[in-house]
Amino acid sequence: MNHLAAKSIENSPMKSQKYFMCAQIFLRILATSFTLTAACIIFNSNQTLTVFTVETEARYTYSPSLKFFAYANIIVCAFSIFSLFLASIIGRNGLHPNKYFCLFVHDMIMMSVLLAGCASATTIGYVGKYGEMHSGWMPICDSVAKFCHKMIASVIFSYFGVIFYLCLTILSANQSRNIEV
């Protein structure tokens, strides 16, 4: 009977380690796919508007905030792919608790970069949708609705990426608290 109890105690940490790595890989795949989708949408979002034979174009490249948002999504997507491969390779051998802290720092930085990009795009989107009458900025989303809808979709996908990185950060922080000094 003692042998069976000792065996279940030994398997419990291995089981939790396996669940932790499965959750890490699953959340990293989700974060990668959502940031890649957000980047693809923003890179393909443009609209040409013709008013009295004058053509104007709405593109993400006209706003530094939207450029930052696009590049933040690409950077986070690239680092997500890198960390996905790293987590899957390291996960086979088992992670030492000190490496959880490295995952925590990585996930925190990626979440911060992505959240900053989302915040800048949300701000510009708000001004594009509602304008800022005190500054003389008129709303433009009535004129370029297709562009605005694509930007909204891109920002929503990116916020989901932030949520997934928040979950990854919480998981890594939880695991790193077991570090022995």
C-alpha atoms as a PDB file:
ATOM      1  CA  MET A   1       0.000   0.000   0.000  1.00  0.00           C
ATOM      2  CA  ASN A   2       2.832   2.420   0.819  1.00  0.00           C
ATOM      3  CA  HIS A   3       4.432   1.642  -2.530  1.00  0.00           C
ATOM      4  CA  LEU A   4       1.267   2.688  -4.382  1.00  0.00           C
ATOM      5  CA  ALA A   5       0.953   5.924  -2.399  1.00  0.00           C
ATOM      6  CA  ALA A   6       4.600   6.794  -3.026  1.00  0.00           C
ATOM      7  CA  LYS A   7       4.142   6.136  -6.735  1.00  0.00           C
ATOM      8  CA  SER A   8       1.136   8.474  -6.988  1.00  0.00           C
ATOM      9  CA  ILE A   9       3.036  11.215  -5.134  1.00  0.00           C
ATOM     10  CA  GLU A  10       5.966  10.863  -7.533  1.00  0.00           C
ATOM     11  CA  ASN A  11       3.699  10.989 -10.603  1.00  0.00           C
ATOM     12  CA  SER A  12       1.799  14.074  -9.427  1.00  0.00           C
ATOM     13  CA  PRO A  13       4.637  16.566 -10.100  1.00  0.00           C
ATOM     14  CA  MET A  14       5.308  14.940 -13.482  1.00  0.00           C
ATOM     15  CA  LYS A  15       1.617  15.215 -14.356  1.00  0.00           C
ATOM     16  CA  SER A  16       1.443  18.867 -13.370  1.00  0.00           C
ATOM     17  CA  GLN A  17       4.640  19.525 -15.353  1.00  0.00           C
ATOM     18  CA  LYS A  18       3.064  17.870 -18.390  1.00  0.00           C
ATOM     19  CA  TYR A  19      -0.146  19.918 -18.018  1.00  0.00           C
ATOM     20  CA  PHE A  20       1.910  23.076 -17.595  1.00  0.00           C
ATOM     21  CA  MET A  21       3.848  22.414 -20.811  1.00  0.00           C
ATOM     22  CA  CYS A  22       0.664  21.536 -22.723  1.00  0.00           C
ATOM     23  CA  ALA A  23      -0.935  24.776 -21.539  1.00  0.00           C
ATOM     24  CA  GLN A  24       2.212  26.717 -22.468  1.00  0.00           C
ATOM     25  CA  ILE A  25       2.310  25.286 -25.971  1.00  0.00           C
ATOM     26  CA  PHE A  26      -1.439  25.688 -26.530  1.00  0.00           C
ATOM     27  CA  LEU A  27      -1.473  29.319 -25.354  1.00  0.00           C
ATOM     28  CA  ARG A  28       1.628  30.138 -27.418  1.00  0.00           C
ATOM     29  CA  ILE A  29      -0.022  28.680 -30.524  1.00  0.00           C
ATOM     30  CA  LEU A  30      -3.119  30.790 -29.851  1.00  0.00           C
ATOM     31  CA  ALA A  31      -1.053  33.938 -29.228  1.00  0.00           C
ATOM     32  CA  THR A  32       0.942  33.344 -32.418  1.00  0.00           C
ATOM     33  CA  SER A  33      -2.139  32.785 -34.550  1.00  0.00           C
ATOM     34  CA  PHE A  34      -4.029  35.785 -33.184  1.00  0.00           C
ATOM     35  CA  THR A  35      -1.115  38.212 -33.551  1.00  0.00           C
ATOM     36  CA  LEU A  36      -0.383  36.895 -37.048  1.00  0.00           C
ATOM     37  CA  THR A  37      -4.040  37.358 -37.984  1.00  0.00           C
ATOM     38  CA  ALA A  38      -4.030  40.894 -36.573  1.00  0.00           C
ATOM     39  CA  ALA A  39      -0.883  41.732 -38.534  1.00  0.00           C
ATOM     40  CA  CYS A  40      -2.251  40.277 -41.784  1.00  0.00           C
ATOM     41  CA  ILE A  41      -5.469  42.239 -41.435  1.00  0.00           C
ATOM     42  CA  ILE A  42      -3.690  45.524 -40.784  1.00  0.00           C
ATOM     43  CA  PHE A  43      -1.198  45.015 -43.608  1.00  0.00           C
ATOM     44  CA  ASN A  44      -4.086  44.425 -46.026  1.00  0.00           C
ATOM     45  CA  SER A  45      -6.249  47.283 -44.798  1.00  0.00           C
ATOM     46  CA  ASN A  46      -6.459  50.178 -47.178  1.00  0.00           C
ATOM     47  CA  GLN A  47      -9.316  51.994 -48.826  1.00  0.00           C
ATOM     48  CA  THR A  48      -9.454  54.550 -51.587  1.00  0.00           C
ATOM     49  CA  LEU A  49     -12.077  57.251 -51.395  1.00  0.00           C
ATOM     50  CA  THR A  50     -13.027  59.391 -54.390  1.00  0.00           C
ATOM     51  CA  VAL A  51     -14.612  62.763 -53.699  1.00  0.00           C
ATOM     52  CA  PHE A  52     -15.268  64.987 -56.733  1.00  0.00           C
ATOM     53  CA  THR A  53     -12.546  63.281 -58.799  1.00  0.00           C
ATOM     54  CA  VAL A  54     -10.045  63.636 -55.976  1.00  0.00           C
ATOM     55  CA  GLU A  55      -8.765  60.317 -54.650  1.00  0.00           C
ATOM     56  CA  THR A  56      -7.717  59.929 -51.067  1.00  0.00           C
ATOM     57  CA  GLU A  57      -6.403  56.759 -49.555  1.00  0.00           C
ATOM     58  CA  ALA A  58      -6.634  55.429 -46.015  1.00  0.00           C
ATOM     59  CA  ARG A  59      -3.674  53.250 -45.022  1.00  0.00           C
ATOM     60  CA  TYR A  60      -2.123  52.165 -41.760  1.00  0.00           C
ATOM     61  CA  THR A  61       1.226  53.623 -42.892  1.00  0.00           C
ATOM     62  CA  TYR A  62      -0.128  57.169 -42.609  1.00  0.00           C
ATOM     63  CA  SER A  63      -0.228  56.967 -38.826  1.00  0.00           C
ATOM     64  CA  PRO A  64       2.864  56.304 -36.683  1.00  0.00           C
ATOM     65  CA  SER A  65       0.605  54.756 -34.027  1.00  0.00           C
ATOM     66  CA  LEU A  66      -0.854  52.266 -36.484  1.00  0.00           C
ATOM     67  CA  LYS A  67       2.622  51.464 -37.817  1.00  0.00           C
ATOM     68  CA  PHE A  68       3.747  50.768 -34.260  1.00  0.00           C
ATOM     69  CA  PHE A  69       0.692  48.557 -33.782  1.00  0.00           C
ATOM     70  CA  ALA A  70       1.473  46.577 -36.946  1.00  0.00           C
ATOM     71  CA  TYR A  71       5.154  46.138 -36.080  1.00  0.00           C
ATOM     72  CA  ALA A  72       4.353  45.209 -32.480  1.00  0.00           C
ATOM     73  CA  ASN A  73       2.119  42.409 -33.739  1.00  0.00           C
ATOM     74  CA  ILE A  74       4.818  41.150 -36.108  1.00  0.00           C
ATOM     75  CA  ILE A  75       7.511  41.273 -33.409  1.00  0.00           C
ATOM     76  CA  VAL A  76       5.333  39.468 -30.868  1.00  0.00           C
ATOM     77  CA  CYS A  77       4.326  36.884 -33.473  1.00  0.00           C
ATOM     78  CA  ALA A  78       7.974  36.207 -34.364  1.00  0.00           C
ATOM     79  CA  PHE A  79       9.009  35.880 -30.727  1.00  0.00           C
ATOM     80  CA  SER A  80       5.967  33.693 -30.086  1.00  0.00           C
ATOM     81  CA  ILE A  81       7.101  31.287 -32.795  1.00  0.00           C
ATOM     82  CA  PHE A  82      10.607  31.305 -31.334  1.00  0.00           C
ATOM     83  CA  SER A  83       9.342  30.695 -27.796  1.00  0.00           C
ATOM     84  CA  LEU A  84       6.981  27.987 -29.060  1.00  0.00           C
ATOM     85  CA  PHE A  85       9.869  26.017 -30.515  1.00  0.00           C
ATOM     86  CA  LEU A  86      11.974  26.685 -27.444  1.00  0.00           C
ATOM     87  CA  ALA A  87       9.202  25.607 -25.055  1.00  0.00           C
ATOM     88  CA  SER A  88       8.516  22.434 -27.019  1.00  0.00           C
ATOM     89  CA  ILE A  89      12.212  21.476 -27.122  1.00  0.00           C
ATOM     90  CA  ILE A  90      12.882  22.327 -23.482  1.00  0.00           C
ATOM     91  CA  GLY A  91       9.570  20.794 -22.374  1.00  0.00           C
ATOM     92  CA  ARG A  92      10.671  17.346 -23.470  1.00  0.00           C
ATOM     93  CA  ASN A  93      13.580  17.407 -21.041  1.00  0.00           C
ATOM     94  CA  GLY A  94      11.645  19.097 -18.257  1.00  0.00           C
ATOM     95  CA  LEU A  95      12.092  22.675 -17.175  1.00  0.00           C
ATOM     96  CA  HIS A  96      14.222  23.589 -14.236  1.00  0.00           C
ATOM     97  CA  PRO A  97      12.367  26.082 -12.005  1.00  0.00           C
ATOM     98  CA  ASN A  98      14.964  28.773 -12.765  1.00  0.00           C
ATOM     99  CA  LYS A  99      13.936  28.672 -16.439  1.00  0.00           C
ATOM    100  CA  TYR A 100      10.355  29.494 -15.491  1.00  0.00           C
ATOM    101  CA  PHE A 101      11.563  32.945 -14.562  1.00  0.00           C
ATOM    102  CA  CYS A 102      13.014  33.405 -18.056  1.00  0.00           C
ATOM    103  CA  LEU A 103       9.642  32.415 -19.537  1.00  0.00           C
ATOM    104  CA  PHE A 104       7.956  34.848 -17.160  1.00  0.00           C
ATOM    105  CA  VAL A 105      10.198  37.738 -18.248  1.00  0.00           C
ATOM    106  CA  HIS A 106       9.758  36.868 -21.937  1.00  0.00           C
ATOM    107  CA  ASP A 107       5.990  36.662 -21.634  1.00  0.00           C
ATOM    108  CA  MET A 108       5.803  39.889 -19.636  1.00  0.00           C
ATOM    109  CA  ILE A 109       7.836  41.792 -22.251  1.00  0.00           C
ATOM    110  CA  MET A 110       5.769  40.415 -25.130  1.00  0.00           C
ATOM    111  CA  MET A 111       2.534  41.257 -23.346  1.00  0.00           C
ATOM    112  CA  SER A 112       3.758  44.795 -22.651  1.00  0.00           C
ATOM    113  CA  VAL A 113       4.809  45.422 -26.257  1.00  0.00           C
ATOM    114  CA  LEU A 114       1.534  44.067 -27.580  1.00  0.00           C
ATOM    115  CA  LEU A 115      -0.540  46.004 -25.046  1.00  0.00           C
ATOM    116  CA  ALA A 116       1.267  49.238 -25.955  1.00  0.00           C
ATOM    117  CA  GLY A 117       0.536  48.623 -29.637  1.00  0.00           C
ATOM    118  CA  CYS A 118      -3.109  47.880 -28.882  1.00  0.00           C
ATOM    119  CA  ALA A 119      -3.421  51.031 -26.787  1.00  0.00           C
ATOM    120  CA  SER A 120      -1.970  53.229 -29.518  1.00  0.00           C
ATOM    121  CA  ALA A 121      -4.235  51.694 -32.187  1.00  0.00           C
ATOM    122  CA  THR A 122      -7.267  51.993 -29.918  1.00  0.00           C
ATOM    123  CA  THR A 123      -6.552  55.677 -29.360  1.00  0.00           C
ATOM    124  CA  ILE A 124      -6.204  56.431 -33.054  1.00  0.00           C
ATOM    125  CA  GLY A 125      -9.276  54.317 -33.768  1.00  0.00           C
ATOM    126  CA  TYR A 126     -11.304  56.297 -31.262  1.00  0.00           C
ATOM    127  CA  VAL A 127     -10.245  59.570 -32.864  1.00  0.00           C
ATOM    128  CA  GLY A 128     -10.991  58.142 -36.311  1.00  0.00           C
ATOM    129  CA  LYS A 129     -14.449  57.010 -35.222  1.00  0.00           C
ATOM    130  CA  TYR A 130     -15.564  59.977 -33.099  1.00  0.00           C
ATOM    131  CA  GLY A 131     -13.095  62.746 -33.945  1.00  0.00           C
ATOM    132  CA  GLU A 132     -11.796  65.355 -31.531  1.00  0.00           C
ATOM    133  CA  MET A 133     -13.725  68.542 -32.050  1.00  0.00           C
ATOM    134  CA  HIS A 134     -11.589  70.645 -29.669  1.00  0.00           C
ATOM    135  CA  SER A 135      -8.518  69.931 -31.795  1.00  0.00           C
ATOM    136  CA  GLY A 136     -10.356  70.225 -35.087  1.00  0.00           C
ATOM    137  CA  TRP A 137     -10.070  66.530 -35.986  1.00  0.00           C
ATOM    138  CA  MET A 138     -13.105  65.271 -37.835  1.00  0.00           C
ATOM    139  CA  PRO A 139     -14.256  61.641 -37.671  1.00  0.00           C
ATOM    140  CA  ILE A 140     -13.271  59.721 -40.801  1.00  0.00           C
ATOM    141  CA  CYS A 141     -14.856  56.312 -40.233  1.00  0.00           C
ATOM    142  CA  ASP A 142     -18.071  57.430 -41.915  1.00  0.00           C
ATOM    143  CA  SER A 143     -16.099  57.972 -45.126  1.00  0.00           C
ATOM    144  CA  VAL A 144     -13.736  54.959 -44.979  1.00  0.00           C
ATOM    145  CA  ALA A 145     -15.885  52.381 -43.202  1.00  0.00           C
ATOM    146  CA  LYS A 146     -14.159  49.359 -44.769  1.00  0.00           C
ATOM    147  CA  PHE A 147     -10.768  50.533 -43.489  1.00  0.00           C
ATOM    148  CA  CYS A 148     -12.161  51.216 -40.005  1.00  0.00           C
ATOM    149  CA  HIS A 149     -13.857  47.818 -39.796  1.00  0.00           C
ATOM    150  CA  LYS A 150     -10.605  46.088 -40.682  1.00  0.00           C
ATOM    151  CA  MET A 151      -8.759  48.113 -38.064  1.00  0.00           C
ATOM    152  CA  ILE A 152     -11.344  47.185 -35.429  1.00  0.00           C
ATOM    153  CA  ALA A 153     -11.008  43.492 -36.305  1.00  0.00           C
ATOM    154  CA  SER A 154      -7.225  43.729 -36.141  1.00  0.00           C
ATOM    155  CA  VAL A 155      -7.296  45.429 -32.743  1.00  0.00           C
ATOM    156  CA  ILE A 156      -9.732  42.833 -31.382  1.00  0.00           C
ATOM    157  CA  PHE A 157      -7.495  39.961 -32.516  1.00  0.00           C
ATOM    158  CA  SER A 158      -4.521  41.696 -30.979  1.00  0.00           C
ATOM    159  CA  TYR A 159      -6.299  42.162 -27.643  1.00  0.00           C
ATOM    160  CA  PHE A 160      -6.966  38.428 -27.610  1.00  0.00           C
ATOM    161  CA  GLY A 161      -3.200  38.004 -28.040  1.00  0.00           C
ATOM    162  CA  VAL A 162      -2.711  40.218 -24.986  1.00  0.00           C
ATOM    163  CA  ILE A 163      -5.101  38.015 -22.995  1.00  0.00           C
ATOM    164  CA  PHE A 164      -3.222  34.875 -24.030  1.00  0.00           C
ATOM    165  CA  TYR A 165       0.089  36.437 -23.036  1.00  0.00           C
ATOM    166  CA  LEU A 166      -1.423  37.501 -19.725  1.00  0.00           C
ATOM    167  CA  CYS A 167      -2.376  33.862 -19.113  1.00  0.00           C
ATOM    168  CA  LEU A 168       1.150  32.772 -20.067  1.00  0.00           C
ATOM    169  CA  THR A 169       2.611  35.350 -17.700  1.00  0.00           C
ATOM    170  CA  ILE A 170       0.435  34.146 -14.842  1.00  0.00           C
ATOM    171  CA  LEU A 171       1.354  30.502 -15.533  1.00  0.00           C
ATOM    172  CA  SER A 172       5.078  31.266 -15.658  1.00  0.00           C
ATOM    173  CA  ALA A 173       4.908  33.424 -12.552  1.00  0.00           C
ATOM    174  CA  ASN A 174       3.092  30.669 -10.712  1.00  0.00           C
ATOM    175  CA  GLN A 175       5.725  28.114 -11.689  1.00  0.00           C
ATOM    176  CA  SER A 176       8.665  30.430 -10.966  1.00  0.00           C
ATOM    177  CA  ARG A 177       7.606  30.929  -7.355  1.00  0.00           C
ATOM    178  CA  ASN A 178       8.979  27.436  -6.683  1.00  0.00           C
ATOM    179  CA  ILE A 179      12.552  28.597  -7.338  1.00  0.00           C
ATOM    180  CA  GLU A 180      14.898  27.684  -4.530  1.00  0.00           C
ATOM    181  CA  VAL A 181      17.650  30.161  -3.833  1.00  0.00           C
END
